Each structure stands twice: as structure tokens, then as C-alpha cells.
Amino acid sequence: MKMKSIKNVLLVVASVALLGACSDPSTSKADQLRHSYTNCINTSNGEADKLATCQTILESLKKEKAHEAFANKETVRVIDYQKCLTARKTGDGQSYAEDCGKIWQEIKANNSPSAMK
């Protein structure tokens, strides 16, 4: 009797493991890229050097149909932010600080956990 229940438990465990392996890999790859990009943005703290790494992930995200529209819009935001940082360094820093802050807040808002849903 005990042997039969152990076999049943093992059968259930094997079934769960097998069903877990049957998930759509392309969907999970696209979602993993999106999560990687979001994590990159959230850890970059607006630093231009770190944003370059995020842009590499963003380029890969553009190739994923599920996230293509997001990636295209986000590319414009990131480029605008980098231009703003450059202008801030070379020009009047105070006048650009507010604009850069607004762009950065928009990028952060688009990569918050609630925006991922």
C-alpha cells in the first residue's frame, strides 16, 4: 500500500516537472528581456554609462514582436535623456536639470512593476 502511494506521488511530481518544461520559450525570452531592461533602468540611477548597457538590451527587445512598440518608444526616451545629459554638461546645467529629471521620471514610470503588467 505504501509503495503505491509513493509511486503516485512520484508520478505527480514528474507530471508537474514535465508540464513546467512545456512552456512557450519565445514568450519567456521576450519577457526575460523586458525584465532585464527594467532591472537595468532601475539600477542605472540615470547614469549615462550604465544607460549604454540598457540600450543594448533595448535593441534586442526591439526584435521581439511582443515588446516592439514599447522598445521603439523607449529608445526615443533614452536618446532624449542622453542628449539632455550631454547638454547639461556642456551648457547651463541648471536649465537642463529640470528637463532631464522629467525625462528620467518618465523612463522610470514606464519601467515600474505596475507598468510591466
PDB file of N, CA and C in Angstrom:
ATOM      1  N   MET A   1       0.811  -1.186   0.000  1.00  0.00           N
ATOM      2  CA  MET A   1       0.000   0.000   0.000  1.00  0.00           C
ATOM      3  C   MET A   1       0.863   1.262   0.000  1.00  0.00           C
ATOM      4  N   LYS A   2       1.909   1.283   0.847  1.00  0.00           N
ATOM      5  CA  LYS A   2       2.777   2.447   0.911  1.00  0.00           C
ATOM      6  C   LYS A   2       3.526   2.640  -0.400  1.00  0.00           C
ATOM      7  N   MET A   3       3.921   1.558  -1.021  1.00  0.00           N
ATOM      8  CA  MET A   3       4.667   1.633  -2.279  1.00  0.00           C
ATOM      9  C   MET A   3       3.814   2.265  -3.374  1.00  0.00           C
ATOM     10  N   LYS A   4       2.527   1.957  -3.380  1.00  0.00           N
ATOM     11  CA  LYS A   4       1.638   2.507  -4.387  1.00  0.00           C
ATOM     12  C   LYS A   4       1.478   4.018  -4.202  1.00  0.00           C
ATOM     13  N   SER A   5       1.350   4.492  -2.969  1.00  0.00           N
ATOM     14  CA  SER A   5       1.198   5.929  -2.741  1.00  0.00           C
ATOM     15  C   SER A   5       2.497   6.668  -3.057  1.00  0.00           C
ATOM     16  N   ILE A   6       3.630   6.069  -2.813  1.00  0.00           N
ATOM     17  CA  ILE A   6       4.915   6.688  -3.179  1.00  0.00           C
ATOM     18  C   ILE A   6       5.010   6.811  -4.693  1.00  0.00           C
ATOM     19  N   LYS A   7       4.585   5.772  -5.403  1.00  0.00           N
ATOM     20  CA  LYS A   7       4.597   5.823  -6.870  1.00  0.00           C
ATOM     21  C   LYS A   7       3.674   6.928  -7.373  1.00  0.00           C
ATOM     22  N   ASN A   8       2.513   7.072  -6.746  1.00  0.00           N
ATOM     23  CA  ASN A   8       1.575   8.128  -7.147  1.00  0.00           C
ATOM     24  C   ASN A   8       2.177   9.514  -6.926  1.00  0.00           C
ATOM     25  N   VAL A   9       2.843   9.701  -5.804  1.00  0.00           N
ATOM     26  CA  VAL A   9       3.478  10.988  -5.516  1.00  0.00           C
ATOM     27  C   VAL A   9       4.565  11.267  -6.547  1.00  0.00           C
ATOM     28  N   LEU A  10       5.378  10.269  -6.845  1.00  0.00           N
ATOM     29  CA  LEU A  10       6.433  10.435  -7.848  1.00  0.00           C
ATOM     30  C   LEU A  10       5.846  10.734  -9.222  1.00  0.00           C
ATOM     31  N   LEU A  11       4.734  10.101  -9.544  1.00  0.00           N
ATOM     32  CA  LEU A  11       4.073  10.349 -10.820  1.00  0.00           C
ATOM     33  C   LEU A  11       3.571  11.790 -10.901  1.00  0.00           C
ATOM     34  N   VAL A  12       3.000  12.295  -9.822  1.00  0.00           N
ATOM     35  CA  VAL A  12       2.519  13.678  -9.787  1.00  0.00           C
ATOM     36  C   VAL A  12       3.690  14.645  -9.920  1.00  0.00           C
ATOM     37  N   VAL A  13       4.774  14.393  -9.202  1.00  0.00           N
ATOM     38  CA  VAL A  13       5.955  15.262  -9.272  1.00  0.00           C
ATOM     39  C   VAL A  13       6.524  15.269 -10.689  1.00  0.00           C
ATOM     40  N   ALA A  14       6.619  14.106 -11.302  1.00  0.00           N
ATOM     41  CA  ALA A  14       7.137  14.022 -12.669  1.00  0.00           C
ATOM     42  C   ALA A  14       6.215  14.749 -13.648  1.00  0.00           C
ATOM     43  N   SER A  15       4.913  14.636 -13.454  1.00  0.00           N
ATOM     44  CA  SER A  15       3.955  15.322 -14.331  1.00  0.00           C
ATOM     45  C   SER A  15       4.082  16.833 -14.218  1.00  0.00           C
ATOM     46  N   VAL A  16       4.217  17.327 -13.003  1.00  0.00           N
ATOM     47  CA  VAL A  16       4.366  18.765 -12.791  1.00  0.00           C
ATOM     48  C   VAL A  16       5.651  19.262 -13.448  1.00  0.00           C
ATOM     49  N   ALA A  17       6.730  18.519 -13.280  1.00  0.00           N
ATOM     50  CA  ALA A  17       8.003  18.914 -13.888  1.00  0.00           C
ATOM     51  C   ALA A  17       7.903  18.906 -15.407  1.00  0.00           C
ATOM     52  N   LEU A  18       7.242  17.917 -15.952  1.00  0.00           N
ATOM     53  CA  LEU A  18       7.090  17.818 -17.401  1.00  0.00           C
ATOM     54  C   LEU A  18       6.235  18.954 -17.948  1.00  0.00           C
ATOM     55  N   LEU A  19       5.148  19.270 -17.287  1.00  0.00           N
ATOM     56  CA  LEU A  19       4.286  20.365 -17.729  1.00  0.00           C
ATOM     57  C   LEU A  19       4.997  21.711 -17.615  1.00  0.00           C
ATOM     58  N   GLY A  20       5.821  21.873 -16.623  1.00  0.00           N
ATOM     59  CA  GLY A  20       6.585  23.109 -16.472  1.00  0.00           C
ATOM     60  C   GLY A  20       7.571  23.310 -17.603  1.00  0.00           C
ATOM     61  N   ALA A  21       8.079  22.226 -18.142  1.00  0.00           N
ATOM     62  CA  ALA A  21       9.042  22.308 -19.242  1.00  0.00           C
ATOM     63  C   ALA A  21       8.366  22.587 -20.579  1.00  0.00           C
ATOM     64  N   CYS A  22       7.048  22.508 -20.633  1.00  0.00           N
ATOM     65  CA  CYS A  22       6.319  22.701 -21.884  1.00  0.00           C
ATOM     66  C   CYS A  22       5.926  24.148 -22.156  1.00  0.00           C
ATOM     67  N   SER A  23       6.416  25.096 -21.384  1.00  0.00           N
ATOM     68  CA  SER A  23       6.039  26.494 -21.604  1.00  0.00           C
ATOM     69  C   SER A  23       6.658  27.014 -22.892  1.00  0.00           C
ATOM     70  N   ASP A  24       6.054  28.050 -23.451  1.00  0.00           N
ATOM     71  CA  ASP A  24       6.497  28.647 -24.705  1.00  0.00           C
ATOM     72  C   ASP A  24       7.809  29.405 -24.487  1.00  0.00           C
ATOM     73  N   PRO A  25       8.922  28.927 -25.060  1.00  0.00           N
ATOM     74  CA  PRO A  25      10.215  29.568 -24.813  1.00  0.00           C
ATOM     75  C   PRO A  25      10.332  30.968 -25.413  1.00  0.00           C
ATOM     76  N   SER A  26       9.658  31.253 -26.521  1.00  0.00           N
ATOM     77  CA  SER A  26       9.779  32.579 -27.128  1.00  0.00           C
ATOM     78  C   SER A  26       9.117  33.646 -26.260  1.00  0.00           C
ATOM     79  N   THR A  27       7.992  33.304 -25.664  1.00  0.00           N
ATOM     80  CA  THR A  27       7.321  34.247 -24.777  1.00  0.00           C
ATOM     81  C   THR A  27       8.179  34.516 -23.559  1.00  0.00           C
ATOM     82  N   SER A  28       8.742  33.477 -22.992  1.00  0.00           N
ATOM     83  CA  SER A  28       9.538  33.695 -21.796  1.00  0.00           C
ATOM     84  C   SER A  28      10.823  34.462 -22.134  1.00  0.00           C
ATOM     85  N   LYS A  29      11.380  34.268 -23.320  1.00  0.00           N
ATOM     86  CA  LYS A  29      12.586  35.010 -23.708  1.00  0.00           C
ATOM     87  C   LYS A  29      12.270  36.502 -23.814  1.00  0.00           C
ATOM     88  N   ALA A  30      11.164  36.829 -24.446  1.00  0.00           N
ATOM     89  CA  ALA A  30      10.768  38.235 -24.591  1.00  0.00           C
ATOM     90  C   ALA A  30      10.496  38.856 -23.230  1.00  0.00           C
ATOM     91  N   ASP A  31       9.812  38.114 -22.376  1.00  0.00           N
ATOM     92  CA  ASP A  31       9.521  38.626 -21.037  1.00  0.00           C
ATOM     93  C   ASP A  31      10.796  38.771 -20.212  1.00  0.00           C
ATOM     94  N   GLN A  32      11.730  37.837 -20.386  1.00  0.00           N
ATOM     95  CA  GLN A  32      13.007  37.936 -19.674  1.00  0.00           C
ATOM     96  C   GLN A  32      13.779  39.168 -20.125  1.00  0.00           C
ATOM     97  N   LEU A  33      13.752  39.456 -21.413  1.00  0.00           N
ATOM     98  CA  LEU A  33      14.417  40.659 -21.917  1.00  0.00           C
ATOM     99  C   LEU A  33      13.785  41.911 -21.326  1.00  0.00           C
ATOM    100  N   ARG A  34      12.469  41.936 -21.274  1.00  0.00           N
ATOM    101  CA  ARG A  34      11.775  43.109 -20.719  1.00  0.00           C
ATOM    102  C   ARG A  34      12.145  43.299 -19.252  1.00  0.00           C
ATOM    103  N   HIS A  35      12.162  42.193 -18.502  1.00  0.00           N
ATOM    104  CA  HIS A  35      12.543  42.274 -17.089  1.00  0.00           C
ATOM    105  C   HIS A  35      14.002  42.705 -16.941  1.00  0.00           C
ATOM    106  N   SER A  36      14.869  42.196 -17.807  1.00  0.00           N
ATOM    107  CA  SER A  36      16.283  42.595 -17.766  1.00  0.00           C
ATOM    108  C   SER A  36      16.425  44.087 -18.024  1.00  0.00           C
ATOM    109  N   TYR A  37      15.680  44.586 -18.998  1.00  0.00           N
ATOM    110  CA  TYR A  37      15.741  46.015 -19.309  1.00  0.00           C
ATOM    111  C   TYR A  37      15.234  46.845 -18.123  1.00  0.00           C
ATOM    112  N   THR A  38      14.119  46.432 -17.561  1.00  0.00           N
ATOM    113  CA  THR A  38      13.554  47.150 -16.418  1.00  0.00           C
ATOM    114  C   THR A  38      14.533  47.168 -15.248  1.00  0.00           C
ATOM    115  N   ASN A  39      15.143  46.021 -14.967  1.00  0.00           N
ATOM    116  CA  ASN A  39      16.132  45.965 -13.887  1.00  0.00           C
ATOM    117  C   ASN A  39      17.317  46.866 -14.188  1.00  0.00           C
ATOM    118  N   CYS A  40      17.750  46.881 -15.431  1.00  0.00           N
ATOM    119  CA  CYS A  40      18.867  47.729 -15.843  1.00  0.00           C
ATOM    120  C   CYS A  40      18.536  49.198 -15.600  1.00  0.00           C
ATOM    121  N   ILE A  41      17.367  49.624 -16.029  1.00  0.00           N
ATOM    122  CA  ILE A  41      16.939  51.019 -15.846  1.00  0.00           C
ATOM    123  C   ILE A  41      16.866  51.357 -14.364  1.00  0.00           C
ATOM    124  N   ASN A  42      16.266  50.469 -13.601  1.00  0.00           N
ATOM    125  CA  ASN A  42      16.073  50.751 -12.181  1.00  0.00           C
ATOM    126  C   ASN A  42      17.376  50.763 -11.389  1.00  0.00           C
ATOM    127  N   THR A  43      18.408  50.098 -11.876  1.00  0.00           N
ATOM    128  CA  THR A  43      19.696  50.112 -11.175  1.00  0.00           C
ATOM    129  C   THR A  43      20.670  51.134 -11.749  1.00  0.00           C
ATOM    130  N   SER A  44      20.348  51.719 -12.884  1.00  0.00           N
ATOM    131  CA  SER A  44      21.272  52.675 -13.508  1.00  0.00           C
ATOM    132  C   SER A  44      21.275  54.028 -12.818  1.00  0.00           C
ATOM    133  N   ASN A  45      20.201  54.335 -12.115  1.00  0.00           N
ATOM    134  CA  ASN A  45      20.088  55.623 -11.409  1.00  0.00           C
ATOM    135  C   ASN A  45      20.332  56.816 -12.316  1.00  0.00           C
ATOM    136  N   GLY A  46      20.010  56.677 -13.586  1.00  0.00           N
ATOM    137  CA  GLY A  46      20.128  57.796 -14.517  1.00  0.00           C
ATOM    138  C   GLY A  46      21.535  58.090 -14.995  1.00  0.00           C
ATOM    139  N   GLU A  47      22.497  57.221 -14.690  1.00  0.00           N
ATOM    140  CA  GLU A  47      23.882  57.443 -15.096  1.00  0.00           C
ATOM    141  C   GLU A  47      24.066  57.045 -16.563  1.00  0.00           C
ATOM    142  N   ALA A  48      24.653  57.942 -17.337  1.00  0.00           N
ATOM    143  CA  ALA A  48      24.795  57.743 -18.782  1.00  0.00           C
ATOM    144  C   ALA A  48      25.573  56.473 -19.123  1.00  0.00           C
ATOM    145  N   ASP A  49      26.634  56.174 -18.387  1.00  0.00           N
ATOM    146  CA  ASP A  49      27.437  54.980 -18.673  1.00  0.00           C
ATOM    147  C   ASP A  49      26.616  53.703 -18.514  1.00  0.00           C
ATOM    148  N   LYS A  50      25.824  53.662 -17.473  1.00  0.00           N
ATOM    149  CA  LYS A  50      25.000  52.481 -17.225  1.00  0.00           C
ATOM    150  C   LYS A  50      23.856  52.380 -18.229  1.00  0.00           C
ATOM    151  N   LEU A  51      23.373  53.517 -18.707  1.00  0.00           N
ATOM    152  CA  LEU A  51      22.291  53.503 -19.699  1.00  0.00           C
ATOM    153  C   LEU A  51      22.737  52.882 -21.015  1.00  0.00           C
ATOM    154  N   ALA A  52      24.020  52.969 -21.329  1.00  0.00           N
ATOM    155  CA  ALA A  52      24.528  52.356 -22.562  1.00  0.00           C
ATOM    156  C   ALA A  52      24.286  50.850 -22.538  1.00  0.00           C
ATOM    157  N   THR A  53      24.464  50.235 -21.389  1.00  0.00           N
ATOM    158  CA  THR A  53      24.189  48.805 -21.245  1.00  0.00           C
ATOM    159  C   THR A  53      22.704  48.529 -21.449  1.00  0.00           C
ATOM    160  N   CYS A  54      21.878  49.394 -20.900  1.00  0.00           N
ATOM    161  CA  CYS A  54      20.426  49.228 -21.043  1.00  0.00           C
ATOM    162  C   CYS A  54      20.010  49.322 -22.513  1.00  0.00           C
ATOM    163  N   GLN A  55      20.678  50.194 -23.264  1.00  0.00           N
ATOM    164  CA  GLN A  55      20.336  50.347 -24.683  1.00  0.00           C
ATOM    165  C   GLN A  55      20.626  49.076 -25.469  1.00  0.00           C
ATOM    166  N   THR A  56      21.649  48.339 -25.081  1.00  0.00           N
ATOM    167  CA  THR A  56      21.947  47.069 -25.743  1.00  0.00           C
ATOM    168  C   THR A  56      20.785  46.099 -25.558  1.00  0.00           C
ATOM    169  N   ILE A  57      20.266  46.037 -24.355  1.00  0.00           N
ATOM    170  CA  ILE A  57      19.111  45.173 -24.079  1.00  0.00           C
ATOM    171  C   ILE A  57      17.899  45.672 -24.856  1.00  0.00           C
ATOM    172  N   LEU A  58      17.738  46.978 -24.919  1.00  0.00           N
ATOM    173  CA  LEU A  58      16.611  47.585 -25.630  1.00  0.00           C
ATOM    174  C   LEU A  58      16.647  47.235 -27.118  1.00  0.00           C
ATOM    175  N   GLU A  59      17.830  47.198 -27.702  1.00  0.00           N
ATOM    176  CA  GLU A  59      17.963  46.817 -29.115  1.00  0.00           C
ATOM    177  C   GLU A  59      17.490  45.380 -29.331  1.00  0.00           C
ATOM    178  N   SER A  60      17.809  44.494 -28.408  1.00  0.00           N
ATOM    179  CA  SER A  60      17.329  43.110 -28.501  1.00  0.00           C
ATOM    180  C   SER A  60      15.821  43.048 -28.323  1.00  0.00           C
ATOM    181  N   LEU A  61      15.307  43.888 -27.451  1.00  0.00           N
ATOM    182  CA  LEU A  61      13.869  43.923 -27.185  1.00  0.00           C
ATOM    183  C   LEU A  61      13.082  44.385 -28.408  1.00  0.00           C
ATOM    184  N   LYS A  62      13.678  45.241 -29.227  1.00  0.00           N
ATOM    185  CA  LYS A  62      13.018  45.709 -30.454  1.00  0.00           C
ATOM    186  C   LYS A  62      12.727  44.561 -31.411  1.00  0.00           C
ATOM    187  N   LYS A  63      13.513  43.512 -31.338  1.00  0.00           N
ATOM    188  CA  LYS A  63      13.356  42.371 -32.245  1.00  0.00           C
ATOM    189  C   LYS A  63      12.240  41.432 -31.806  1.00  0.00           C
ATOM    190  N   GLU A  64      11.736  41.622 -30.597  1.00  0.00           N
ATOM    191  CA  GLU A  64      10.660  40.783 -30.076  1.00  0.00           C
ATOM    192  C   GLU A  64       9.317  41.450 -30.372  1.00  0.00           C
ATOM    193  N   LYS A  65       8.491  40.794 -31.144  1.00  0.00           N
ATOM    194  CA  LYS A  65       7.213  41.363 -31.579  1.00  0.00           C
ATOM    195  C   LYS A  65       6.357  41.835 -30.403  1.00  0.00           C
ATOM    196  N   ALA A  66       6.355  41.074 -29.328  1.00  0.00           N
ATOM    197  CA  ALA A  66       5.504  41.406 -28.184  1.00  0.00           C
ATOM    198  C   ALA A  66       5.891  42.724 -27.514  1.00  0.00           C
ATOM    199  N   HIS A  67       7.137  43.136 -27.655  1.00  0.00           N
ATOM    200  CA  HIS A  67       7.614  44.344 -26.969  1.00  0.00           C
ATOM    201  C   HIS A  67       8.162  45.392 -27.934  1.00  0.00           C
ATOM    202  N   GLU A  68       7.936  45.201 -29.214  1.00  0.00           N
ATOM    203  CA  GLU A  68       8.496  46.096 -30.235  1.00  0.00           C
ATOM    204  C   GLU A  68       8.024  47.544 -30.066  1.00  0.00           C
ATOM    205  N   ALA A  69       6.738  47.751 -29.874  1.00  0.00           N
ATOM    206  CA  ALA A  69       6.205  49.117 -29.739  1.00  0.00           C
ATOM    207  C   ALA A  69       6.784  49.801 -28.503  1.00  0.00           C
ATOM    208  N   PHE A  70       6.822  49.072 -27.394  1.00  0.00           N
ATOM    209  CA  PHE A  70       7.413  49.626 -26.174  1.00  0.00           C
ATOM    210  C   PHE A  70       8.876  49.997 -26.412  1.00  0.00           C
ATOM    211  N   ALA A  71       9.631  49.098 -27.033  1.00  0.00           N
ATOM    212  CA  ALA A  71      11.067  49.325 -27.247  1.00  0.00           C
ATOM    213  C   ALA A  71      11.317  50.534 -28.147  1.00  0.00           C
ATOM    214  N   ASN A  72      10.496  50.705 -29.165  1.00  0.00           N
ATOM    215  CA  ASN A  72      10.673  51.863 -30.052  1.00  0.00           C
ATOM    216  C   ASN A  72      10.429  53.177 -29.311  1.00  0.00           C
ATOM    217  N   LYS A  73       9.364  53.238 -28.526  1.00  0.00           N
ATOM    218  CA  LYS A  73       9.077  54.453 -27.750  1.00  0.00           C
ATOM    219  C   LYS A  73      10.152  54.695 -26.697  1.00  0.00           C
ATOM    220  N   GLU A  74      10.589  53.628 -26.066  1.00  0.00           N
ATOM    221  CA  GLU A  74      11.585  53.746 -25.004  1.00  0.00           C
ATOM    222  C   GLU A  74      12.931  54.202 -25.563  1.00  0.00           C
ATOM    223  N   THR A  75      13.255  53.783 -26.777  1.00  0.00           N
ATOM    224  CA  THR A  75      14.505  54.218 -27.411  1.00  0.00           C
ATOM    225  C   THR A  75      14.521  55.731 -27.558  1.00  0.00           C
ATOM    226  N   VAL A  76      13.405  56.302 -27.970  1.00  0.00           N
ATOM    227  CA  VAL A  76      13.312  57.761 -28.121  1.00  0.00           C
ATOM    228  C   VAL A  76      13.516  58.435 -26.767  1.00  0.00           C
ATOM    229  N   ARG A  77      12.887  57.898 -25.727  1.00  0.00           N
ATOM    230  CA  ARG A  77      13.028  58.488 -24.390  1.00  0.00           C
ATOM    231  C   ARG A  77      14.476  58.446 -23.908  1.00  0.00           C
ATOM    232  N   VAL A  78      15.130  57.305 -24.099  1.00  0.00           N
ATOM    233  CA  VAL A  78      16.511  57.147 -23.628  1.00  0.00           C
ATOM    234  C   VAL A  78      17.451  58.071 -24.400  1.00  0.00           C
ATOM    235  N   ILE A  79      17.255  58.170 -25.704  1.00  0.00           N
ATOM    236  CA  ILE A  79      18.094  59.073 -26.510  1.00  0.00           C
ATOM    237  C   ILE A  79      17.869  60.521 -26.078  1.00  0.00           C
ATOM    238  N   ASP A  80      16.616  60.895 -25.860  1.00  0.00           N
ATOM    239  CA  ASP A  80      16.319  62.252 -25.376  1.00  0.00           C
ATOM    240  C   ASP A  80      17.010  62.515 -24.041  1.00  0.00           C
ATOM    241  N   TYR A  81      16.984  61.519 -23.179  1.00  0.00           N
ATOM    242  CA  TYR A  81      17.607  61.679 -21.865  1.00  0.00           C
ATOM    243  C   TYR A  81      19.124  61.841 -21.998  1.00  0.00           C
ATOM    244  N   GLN A  82      19.735  61.032 -22.852  1.00  0.00           N
ATOM    245  CA  GLN A  82      21.185  61.141 -23.036  1.00  0.00           C
ATOM    246  C   GLN A  82      21.569  62.488 -23.650  1.00  0.00           C
ATOM    247  N   LYS A  83      20.777  62.965 -24.605  1.00  0.00           N
ATOM    248  CA  LYS A  83      21.034  64.294 -25.184  1.00  0.00           C
ATOM    249  C   LYS A  83      20.909  65.372 -24.114  1.00  0.00           C
ATOM    250  N   CYS A  84      19.931  65.213 -23.262  1.00  0.00           N
ATOM    251  CA  CYS A  84      19.717  66.170 -22.181  1.00  0.00           C
ATOM    252  C   CYS A  84      20.916  66.181 -21.230  1.00  0.00           C
ATOM    253  N   LEU A  85      21.428  64.999 -20.899  1.00  0.00           N
ATOM    254  CA  LEU A  85      22.597  64.926 -20.017  1.00  0.00           C
ATOM    255  C   LEU A  85      23.809  65.595 -20.648  1.00  0.00           C
ATOM    256  N   THR A  86      23.991  65.370 -21.952  1.00  0.00           N
ATOM    257  CA  THR A  86      25.113  65.988 -22.662  1.00  0.00           C
ATOM    258  C   THR A  86      24.972  67.506 -22.663  1.00  0.00           C
ATOM    259  N   ALA A  87      23.781  67.989 -22.965  1.00  0.00           N
ATOM    260  CA  ALA A  87      23.538  69.435 -22.979  1.00  0.00           C
ATOM    261  C   ALA A  87      23.743  70.027 -21.590  1.00  0.00           C
ATOM    262  N   ARG A  88      23.375  69.274 -20.599  1.00  0.00           N
ATOM    263  CA  ARG A  88      23.528  69.732 -19.216  1.00  0.00           C
ATOM    264  C   ARG A  88      25.001  69.899 -18.857  1.00  0.00           C
ATOM    265  N   LYS A  89      25.833  68.977 -19.355  1.00  0.00           N
ATOM    266  CA  LYS A  89      27.275  69.049 -19.075  1.00  0.00           C
ATOM    267  C   LYS A  89      27.945  70.183 -19.839  1.00  0.00           C
ATOM    268  N   THR A  90      27.501  70.399 -21.070  1.00  0.00           N
ATOM    269  CA  THR A  90      28.178  71.385 -21.919  1.00  0.00           C
ATOM    270  C   THR A  90      27.573  72.771 -21.846  1.00  0.00           C
ATOM    271  N   GLY A  91      26.343  72.863 -21.376  1.00  0.00           N
ATOM    272  CA  GLY A  91      25.665  74.165 -21.335  1.00  0.00           C
ATOM    273  C   GLY A  91      25.351  74.580 -19.919  1.00  0.00           C
ATOM    274  N   ASP A  92      24.235  75.242 -19.775  1.00  0.00           N
ATOM    275  CA  ASP A  92      23.779  75.715 -18.479  1.00  0.00           C
ATOM    276  C   ASP A  92      23.112  74.555 -17.737  1.00  0.00           C
ATOM    277  N   GLY A  93      23.834  73.973 -16.818  1.00  0.00           N
ATOM    278  CA  GLY A  93      23.365  72.798 -16.094  1.00  0.00           C
ATOM    279  C   GLY A  93      22.037  72.973 -15.401  1.00  0.00           C
ATOM    280  N   GLN A  94      21.808  74.131 -14.805  1.00  0.00           N
ATOM    281  CA  GLN A  94      20.568  74.368 -14.071  1.00  0.00           C
ATOM    282  C   GLN A  94      19.348  74.323 -14.978  1.00  0.00           C
ATOM    283  N   SER A  95      19.449  74.930 -16.146  1.00  0.00           N
ATOM    284  CA  SER A  95      18.275  74.997 -17.019  1.00  0.00           C
ATOM    285  C   SER A  95      17.903  73.627 -17.575  1.00  0.00           C
ATOM    286  N   TYR A  96      18.879  72.731 -17.694  1.00  0.00           N
ATOM    287  CA  TYR A  96      18.587  71.399 -18.215  1.00  0.00           C
ATOM    288  C   TYR A  96      18.228  70.402 -17.118  1.00  0.00           C
ATOM    289  N   ALA A  97      18.589  70.682 -15.896  1.00  0.00           N
ATOM    290  CA  ALA A  97      18.371  69.728 -14.807  1.00  0.00           C
ATOM    291  C   ALA A  97      16.902  69.336 -14.675  1.00  0.00           C
ATOM    292  N   GLU A  98      16.012  70.303 -14.761  1.00  0.00           N
ATOM    293  CA  GLU A  98      14.583  70.022 -14.620  1.00  0.00           C
ATOM    294  C   GLU A  98      14.077  69.177 -15.788  1.00  0.00           C
ATOM    295  N   ASP A  99      14.493  69.529 -17.014  1.00  0.00           N
ATOM    296  CA  ASP A  99      14.074  68.767 -18.195  1.00  0.00           C
ATOM    297  C   ASP A  99      14.576  67.330 -18.124  1.00  0.00           C
ATOM    298  N   CYS A 100      15.839  67.160 -17.757  1.00  0.00           N
ATOM    299  CA  CYS A 100      16.407  65.814 -17.645  1.00  0.00           C
ATOM    300  C   CYS A 100      15.653  65.006 -16.589  1.00  0.00           C
ATOM    301  N   GLY A 101      15.333  65.658 -15.490  1.00  0.00           N
ATOM    302  CA  GLY A 101      14.592  64.984 -14.425  1.00  0.00           C
ATOM    303  C   GLY A 101      13.228  64.504 -14.881  1.00  0.00           C
ATOM    304  N   LYS A 102      12.548  65.308 -15.680  1.00  0.00           N
ATOM    305  CA  LYS A 102      11.226  64.918 -16.194  1.00  0.00           C
ATOM    306  C   LYS A 102      11.334  63.706 -17.117  1.00  0.00           C
ATOM    307  N   ILE A 103      12.325  63.731 -18.000  1.00  0.00           N
ATOM    308  CA  ILE A 103      12.504  62.604 -18.924  1.00  0.00           C
ATOM    309  C   ILE A 103      12.843  61.341 -18.136  1.00  0.00           C
ATOM    310  N   TRP A 104      13.735  61.471 -17.154  1.00  0.00           N
ATOM    311  CA  TRP A 104      14.125  60.306 -16.354  1.00  0.00           C
ATOM    312  C   TRP A 104      12.919  59.748 -15.593  1.00  0.00           C
ATOM    313  N   GLN A 105      12.075  60.601 -15.044  1.00  0.00           N
ATOM    314  CA  GLN A 105      10.889  60.136 -14.329  1.00  0.00           C
ATOM    315  C   GLN A 105       9.941  59.381 -15.262  1.00  0.00           C
ATOM    316  N   GLU A 106       9.849  59.826 -16.499  1.00  0.00           N
ATOM    317  CA  GLU A 106       9.013  59.134 -17.480  1.00  0.00           C
ATOM    318  C   GLU A 106       9.582  57.745 -17.775  1.00  0.00           C
ATOM    319  N   ILE A 107      10.895  57.667 -17.923  1.00  0.00           N
ATOM    320  CA  ILE A 107      11.538  56.367 -18.164  1.00  0.00           C
ATOM    321  C   ILE A 107      11.297  55.447 -16.969  1.00  0.00           C
ATOM    322  N   LYS A 108      11.492  55.955 -15.768  1.00  0.00           N
ATOM    323  CA  LYS A 108      11.279  55.144 -14.559  1.00  0.00           C
ATOM    324  C   LYS A 108       9.823  54.683 -14.458  1.00  0.00           C
ATOM    325  N   ALA A 109       8.887  55.571 -14.763  1.00  0.00           N
ATOM    326  CA  ALA A 109       7.466  55.219 -14.674  1.00  0.00           C
ATOM    327  C   ALA A 109       7.109  54.108 -15.659  1.00  0.00           C
ATOM    328  N   ASN A 110       7.720  54.129 -16.834  1.00  0.00           N
ATOM    329  CA  ASN A 110       7.442  53.103 -17.835  1.00  0.00           C
ATOM    330  C   ASN A 110       8.109  51.777 -17.508  1.00  0.00           C
ATOM    331  N   ASN A 111       8.942  51.760 -16.482  1.00  0.00           N
ATOM    332  CA  ASN A 111       9.623  50.535 -16.085  1.00  0.00           C
ATOM    333  C   ASN A 111       9.357  50.173 -14.632  1.00  0.00           C
ATOM    334  N   SER A 112       8.272  50.674 -14.106  1.00  0.00           N
ATOM    335  CA  SER A 112       7.870  50.310 -12.748  1.00  0.00           C
ATOM    336  C   SER A 112       7.169  48.955 -12.807  1.00  0.00           C
ATOM    337  N   PRO A 113       7.094  48.252 -11.687  1.00  0.00           N
ATOM    338  CA  PRO A 113       6.410  46.950 -11.692  1.00  0.00           C
ATOM    339  C   PRO A 113       4.971  47.028 -12.202  1.00  0.00           C
ATOM    340  N   SER A 114       4.256  48.111 -11.909  1.00  0.00           N
ATOM    341  CA  SER A 114       2.867  48.218 -12.372  1.00  0.00           C
ATOM    342  C   SER A 114       2.792  48.404 -13.887  1.00  0.00           C
ATOM    343  N   ALA A 115       3.815  48.989 -14.496  1.00  0.00           N
ATOM    344  CA  ALA A 115       3.830  49.180 -15.948  1.00  0.00           C
ATOM    345  C   ALA A 115       4.116  47.877 -16.679  1.00  0.00           C
ATOM    346  N   MET A 116       4.681  46.913 -15.994  1.00  0.00           N
ATOM    347  CA  MET A 116       5.042  45.635 -16.612  1.00  0.00           C
ATOM    348  C   MET A 116       3.826  44.749 -16.833  1.00  0.00           C
ATOM    349  N   LYS A 117       2.720  45.040 -16.197  1.00  0.00           N
ATOM    350  CA  LYS A 117       1.540  44.158 -16.292  1.00  0.00           C
ATOM    351  C   LYS A 117       0.783  44.362 -17.558  1.00  0.00           C
TER     352      LYS A 117
END
